[in-house]
N, C-alpha and C. Protein backbone atom coordinates (compact mmCIF):
# COMPACT_ATOMS: atom_id res chain seq x y z
N UNK A 1 -123.71 -78.88 17.61
CA UNK A 1 -122.88 -78.35 18.65
C UNK A 1 -123.74 -77.50 19.58
N UNK A 2 -123.55 -77.70 20.86
CA UNK A 2 -124.31 -76.96 21.86
C UNK A 2 -123.61 -75.64 22.15
N UNK A 3 -124.44 -74.65 22.42
CA UNK A 3 -123.92 -73.33 22.76
C UNK A 3 -123.82 -73.20 24.27
N UNK A 4 -122.70 -72.76 24.75
CA UNK A 4 -122.52 -72.62 26.20
C UNK A 4 -122.40 -71.14 26.55
N UNK A 5 -123.25 -70.70 27.49
CA UNK A 5 -123.22 -69.31 27.96
C UNK A 5 -122.65 -69.31 29.36
N UNK A 6 -121.62 -68.56 29.54
CA UNK A 6 -120.98 -68.48 30.85
C UNK A 6 -121.84 -67.60 31.76
N UNK A 7 -122.41 -68.14 32.84
CA UNK A 7 -123.27 -67.35 33.73
C UNK A 7 -122.52 -66.20 34.39
N UNK A 8 -121.26 -66.34 34.65
CA UNK A 8 -120.52 -65.24 35.29
C UNK A 8 -120.37 -64.06 34.34
N UNK A 9 -120.34 -64.32 33.04
CA UNK A 9 -120.22 -63.23 32.07
C UNK A 9 -121.49 -62.39 32.05
N UNK A 10 -122.65 -63.01 32.11
CA UNK A 10 -123.90 -62.24 32.11
C UNK A 10 -124.07 -61.50 33.42
N UNK A 11 -123.66 -62.11 34.51
CA UNK A 11 -123.74 -61.44 35.81
C UNK A 11 -122.83 -60.23 35.82
N UNK A 12 -121.67 -60.39 35.27
CA UNK A 12 -120.71 -59.28 35.21
C UNK A 12 -121.26 -58.15 34.34
N UNK A 13 -121.88 -58.48 33.23
CA UNK A 13 -122.45 -57.46 32.35
C UNK A 13 -123.60 -56.74 33.04
N UNK A 14 -124.44 -57.48 33.73
CA UNK A 14 -125.56 -56.85 34.44
C UNK A 14 -125.05 -55.94 35.56
N UNK A 15 -124.02 -56.40 36.26
CA UNK A 15 -123.44 -55.60 37.32
C UNK A 15 -122.84 -54.31 36.77
N UNK A 16 -122.14 -54.42 35.67
CA UNK A 16 -121.57 -53.22 35.03
C UNK A 16 -122.65 -52.26 34.55
N UNK A 17 -123.74 -52.82 34.04
CA UNK A 17 -124.85 -51.97 33.60
C UNK A 17 -125.44 -51.20 34.78
N UNK A 18 -125.62 -51.86 35.91
CA UNK A 18 -126.20 -51.20 37.09
C UNK A 18 -125.25 -50.13 37.59
N UNK A 19 -123.96 -50.42 37.62
CA UNK A 19 -122.97 -49.42 38.05
C UNK A 19 -123.01 -48.22 37.11
N UNK A 20 -123.05 -48.46 35.81
CA UNK A 20 -123.10 -47.37 34.84
C UNK A 20 -124.37 -46.56 35.00
N UNK A 21 -125.48 -47.22 35.29
CA UNK A 21 -126.75 -46.52 35.49
C UNK A 21 -126.70 -45.63 36.73
N UNK A 22 -126.17 -46.15 37.82
CA UNK A 22 -126.06 -45.37 39.06
C UNK A 22 -125.13 -44.17 38.86
N UNK A 23 -124.01 -44.39 38.23
CA UNK A 23 -123.07 -43.29 37.97
C UNK A 23 -123.72 -42.25 37.05
N UNK A 24 -124.45 -42.70 36.06
CA UNK A 24 -125.14 -41.78 35.16
C UNK A 24 -126.17 -40.92 35.87
N UNK A 25 -126.92 -41.52 36.77
CA UNK A 25 -127.93 -40.77 37.54
C UNK A 25 -127.25 -39.75 38.46
N UNK A 26 -126.16 -40.13 39.07
CA UNK A 26 -125.43 -39.21 39.95
C UNK A 26 -124.86 -38.03 39.15
N UNK A 27 -124.28 -38.33 38.00
CA UNK A 27 -123.74 -37.27 37.14
C UNK A 27 -124.85 -36.34 36.67
N UNK A 28 -125.99 -36.89 36.31
CA UNK A 28 -127.12 -36.07 35.89
C UNK A 28 -127.62 -35.18 37.02
N UNK A 29 -127.72 -35.71 38.23
CA UNK A 29 -128.19 -34.93 39.37
C UNK A 29 -127.22 -33.81 39.72
N UNK A 30 -125.93 -34.09 39.71
CA UNK A 30 -124.93 -33.06 40.01
C UNK A 30 -124.93 -31.99 38.92
N UNK A 31 -125.05 -32.40 37.67
CA UNK A 31 -125.10 -31.44 36.56
C UNK A 31 -126.32 -30.53 36.67
N UNK A 32 -127.47 -31.10 36.99
CA UNK A 32 -128.68 -30.30 37.14
C UNK A 32 -128.56 -29.33 38.31
N UNK A 33 -127.94 -29.77 39.41
CA UNK A 33 -127.76 -28.89 40.57
C UNK A 33 -126.81 -27.75 40.23
N UNK A 34 -125.74 -28.02 39.50
CA UNK A 34 -124.82 -26.96 39.10
C UNK A 34 -125.48 -25.99 38.12
N UNK A 35 -126.27 -26.52 37.21
CA UNK A 35 -126.97 -25.66 36.24
C UNK A 35 -127.94 -24.73 36.95
N UNK A 36 -128.64 -25.25 37.96
CA UNK A 36 -129.64 -24.46 38.68
C UNK A 36 -129.08 -23.76 39.91
N UNK A 37 -127.77 -23.71 40.05
CA UNK A 37 -127.13 -23.11 41.22
C UNK A 37 -127.60 -21.68 41.50
N UNK A 38 -127.69 -20.79 40.51
CA UNK A 38 -128.17 -19.43 40.81
C UNK A 38 -129.60 -19.42 41.40
N UNK A 39 -130.48 -20.25 40.88
CA UNK A 39 -131.84 -20.30 41.42
C UNK A 39 -131.84 -20.88 42.83
N UNK A 40 -131.03 -21.90 43.07
CA UNK A 40 -130.94 -22.48 44.41
C UNK A 40 -130.44 -21.45 45.40
N UNK A 41 -129.40 -20.71 45.03
CA UNK A 41 -128.86 -19.67 45.91
C UNK A 41 -129.90 -18.59 46.17
N UNK A 42 -130.63 -18.19 45.14
CA UNK A 42 -131.65 -17.15 45.31
C UNK A 42 -132.75 -17.59 46.26
N UNK A 43 -133.18 -18.84 46.17
CA UNK A 43 -134.23 -19.33 47.07
C UNK A 43 -133.70 -19.48 48.49
N UNK A 44 -132.46 -19.92 48.65
CA UNK A 44 -131.90 -20.06 50.00
C UNK A 44 -131.73 -18.69 50.65
N UNK A 45 -131.31 -17.70 49.88
CA UNK A 45 -131.10 -16.35 50.43
C UNK A 45 -132.39 -15.53 50.49
N UNK A 46 -133.49 -16.11 50.06
CA UNK A 46 -134.82 -15.46 50.10
C UNK A 46 -134.81 -14.09 49.40
N UNK A 47 -134.29 -14.12 48.17
CA UNK A 47 -134.23 -12.89 47.38
C UNK A 47 -135.63 -12.45 46.97
N UNK A 48 -135.81 -11.14 46.84
CA UNK A 48 -137.11 -10.61 46.42
C UNK A 48 -137.44 -11.04 44.99
N UNK A 49 -136.44 -11.13 44.13
CA UNK A 49 -136.64 -11.47 42.72
C UNK A 49 -136.22 -12.90 42.40
N UNK A 50 -136.47 -13.82 43.33
CA UNK A 50 -136.01 -15.21 43.15
C UNK A 50 -136.69 -15.90 41.98
N UNK A 51 -137.96 -15.57 41.71
CA UNK A 51 -138.65 -16.19 40.57
C UNK A 51 -138.02 -15.72 39.25
N UNK A 52 -137.71 -14.44 39.16
CA UNK A 52 -137.08 -13.92 37.94
C UNK A 52 -135.70 -14.55 37.73
N UNK A 53 -134.96 -14.73 38.81
CA UNK A 53 -133.64 -15.36 38.70
C UNK A 53 -133.79 -16.81 38.24
N UNK A 54 -134.78 -17.52 38.79
CA UNK A 54 -134.99 -18.92 38.41
C UNK A 54 -135.41 -19.04 36.95
N UNK A 55 -136.28 -18.16 36.49
CA UNK A 55 -136.73 -18.20 35.09
C UNK A 55 -135.57 -17.86 34.15
N UNK A 56 -134.79 -16.83 34.51
CA UNK A 56 -133.62 -16.47 33.70
C UNK A 56 -132.65 -17.64 33.63
N UNK A 57 -132.41 -18.26 34.76
CA UNK A 57 -131.49 -19.39 34.81
C UNK A 57 -132.01 -20.57 34.01
N UNK A 58 -133.28 -20.87 34.15
CA UNK A 58 -133.86 -22.03 33.46
C UNK A 58 -133.88 -21.85 31.95
N UNK A 59 -134.29 -20.67 31.50
CA UNK A 59 -134.47 -20.46 30.06
C UNK A 59 -133.19 -20.05 29.32
N UNK A 60 -132.33 -19.27 29.98
CA UNK A 60 -131.16 -18.75 29.27
C UNK A 60 -129.83 -19.16 29.91
N UNK A 61 -129.87 -20.00 30.94
CA UNK A 61 -128.65 -20.39 31.62
C UNK A 61 -127.67 -21.13 30.74
N UNK A 62 -128.15 -21.78 29.70
CA UNK A 62 -127.29 -22.52 28.79
C UNK A 62 -126.27 -21.62 28.10
N UNK A 63 -126.57 -20.31 28.02
CA UNK A 63 -125.67 -19.40 27.31
C UNK A 63 -124.46 -19.00 28.14
N UNK A 64 -124.40 -19.41 29.39
CA UNK A 64 -123.34 -19.12 30.34
C UNK A 64 -123.26 -17.63 30.69
N UNK A 65 -123.54 -16.73 29.77
CA UNK A 65 -123.57 -15.31 30.11
C UNK A 65 -124.76 -15.05 31.03
N UNK A 66 -125.92 -15.55 30.66
CA UNK A 66 -127.10 -15.39 31.49
C UNK A 66 -126.95 -16.16 32.80
N UNK A 67 -126.24 -17.28 32.79
CA UNK A 67 -126.00 -18.05 34.02
C UNK A 67 -125.17 -17.23 35.00
N UNK A 68 -124.14 -16.57 34.49
CA UNK A 68 -123.29 -15.72 35.34
C UNK A 68 -124.09 -14.53 35.85
N UNK A 69 -124.91 -13.93 34.99
CA UNK A 69 -125.76 -12.80 35.41
C UNK A 69 -126.73 -13.25 36.50
N UNK A 70 -127.35 -14.41 36.32
CA UNK A 70 -128.28 -14.93 37.33
C UNK A 70 -127.55 -15.20 38.65
N UNK A 71 -126.33 -15.72 38.57
CA UNK A 71 -125.57 -15.98 39.79
C UNK A 71 -125.20 -14.69 40.50
N UNK A 72 -124.82 -13.67 39.74
CA UNK A 72 -124.51 -12.37 40.34
C UNK A 72 -125.76 -11.77 40.99
N UNK A 73 -126.90 -11.86 40.32
CA UNK A 73 -128.15 -11.36 40.91
C UNK A 73 -128.50 -12.12 42.19
N UNK A 74 -128.23 -13.40 42.20
CA UNK A 74 -128.55 -14.20 43.38
C UNK A 74 -127.63 -13.89 44.55
N UNK A 75 -126.40 -13.48 44.26
CA UNK A 75 -125.43 -13.23 45.32
C UNK A 75 -125.40 -11.79 45.83
N UNK A 76 -125.99 -10.85 45.09
CA UNK A 76 -125.97 -9.46 45.55
C UNK A 76 -127.03 -9.25 46.63
N UNK A 77 -126.81 -8.23 47.44
CA UNK A 77 -127.74 -7.91 48.51
C UNK A 77 -128.97 -7.21 47.95
N UNK A 78 -130.12 -7.51 48.55
CA UNK A 78 -131.32 -6.76 48.20
C UNK A 78 -131.22 -5.37 48.82
N UNK A 79 -131.67 -4.37 48.09
CA UNK A 79 -131.68 -3.02 48.66
C UNK A 79 -132.87 -2.91 49.58
N UNK A 80 -132.59 -2.53 50.80
CA UNK A 80 -133.66 -2.32 51.76
C UNK A 80 -134.20 -0.91 51.57
N UNK A 81 -135.52 -0.77 51.66
CA UNK A 81 -136.06 0.59 51.52
C UNK A 81 -135.56 1.47 52.66
N UNK A 82 -135.23 2.69 52.29
CA UNK A 82 -134.73 3.63 53.28
C UNK A 82 -135.91 4.22 54.03
N UNK A 83 -135.87 4.13 55.34
CA UNK A 83 -136.95 4.64 56.18
C UNK A 83 -136.50 5.96 56.77
N UNK A 84 -137.29 6.98 56.51
CA UNK A 84 -136.99 8.31 57.06
C UNK A 84 -138.10 8.65 58.04
N UNK A 85 -137.71 8.92 59.28
CA UNK A 85 -138.67 9.26 60.32
C UNK A 85 -138.61 10.75 60.53
N UNK A 86 -139.74 11.40 60.38
CA UNK A 86 -139.84 12.85 60.59
C UNK A 86 -140.64 13.06 61.85
N UNK A 87 -140.03 13.68 62.80
CA UNK A 87 -140.68 13.93 64.07
C UNK A 87 -141.12 15.39 64.10
N UNK A 88 -142.40 15.65 63.89
CA UNK A 88 -142.93 17.01 63.86
C UNK A 88 -143.70 17.35 65.12
N UNK A 89 -143.46 16.64 66.18
CA UNK A 89 -144.19 16.90 67.42
C UNK A 89 -143.62 18.15 68.06
N UNK A 90 -144.51 19.11 68.36
CA UNK A 90 -144.10 20.32 69.01
C UNK A 90 -143.93 20.04 70.50
N UNK A 91 -142.95 20.67 71.12
CA UNK A 91 -142.80 20.45 72.56
C UNK A 91 -144.05 20.94 73.29
N UNK A 92 -144.47 20.15 74.26
CA UNK A 92 -145.66 20.52 75.03
C UNK A 92 -145.40 21.77 75.83
N UNK A 93 -146.43 22.60 75.95
CA UNK A 93 -146.27 23.83 76.73
C UNK A 93 -146.05 23.45 78.19
N UNK A 94 -145.35 24.27 78.86
CA UNK A 94 -145.02 23.99 80.25
C UNK A 94 -146.30 23.85 81.05
N UNK A 95 -146.32 22.89 81.91
CA UNK A 95 -147.53 22.66 82.71
C UNK A 95 -147.59 23.69 83.83
N UNK A 96 -148.71 23.76 84.48
CA UNK A 96 -148.92 24.72 85.55
C UNK A 96 -147.98 24.48 86.72
N UNK A 97 -147.59 23.25 86.94
CA UNK A 97 -146.69 22.94 88.04
C UNK A 97 -145.28 23.46 87.78
N UNK A 98 -144.87 23.49 86.52
CA UNK A 98 -143.53 23.95 86.19
C UNK A 98 -143.39 25.46 86.32
N UNK A 99 -144.49 26.19 86.32
CA UNK A 99 -144.43 27.66 86.34
C UNK A 99 -144.22 28.18 87.69
């Protein structure tokens, strides 16, 4: 007895495999972007401690507590150094014309 393989069945299986592969890659990319969201936000906002936020997120983000902490750090404002200007210039003595 001869074995008959339906060509449409193999094409359908290959098509389904490719669709599953594409969907899997998209899900993986979206998951990675969500996991690294605090680091992405820190780099976009040009935070001073963006490397520390990225390392915290990468190494401890799985715990969700550290992920939330990293996200809060990424969203808070950097403290700008306070600049105090002291003007110690003495008023110039009156010129000869003013007298």
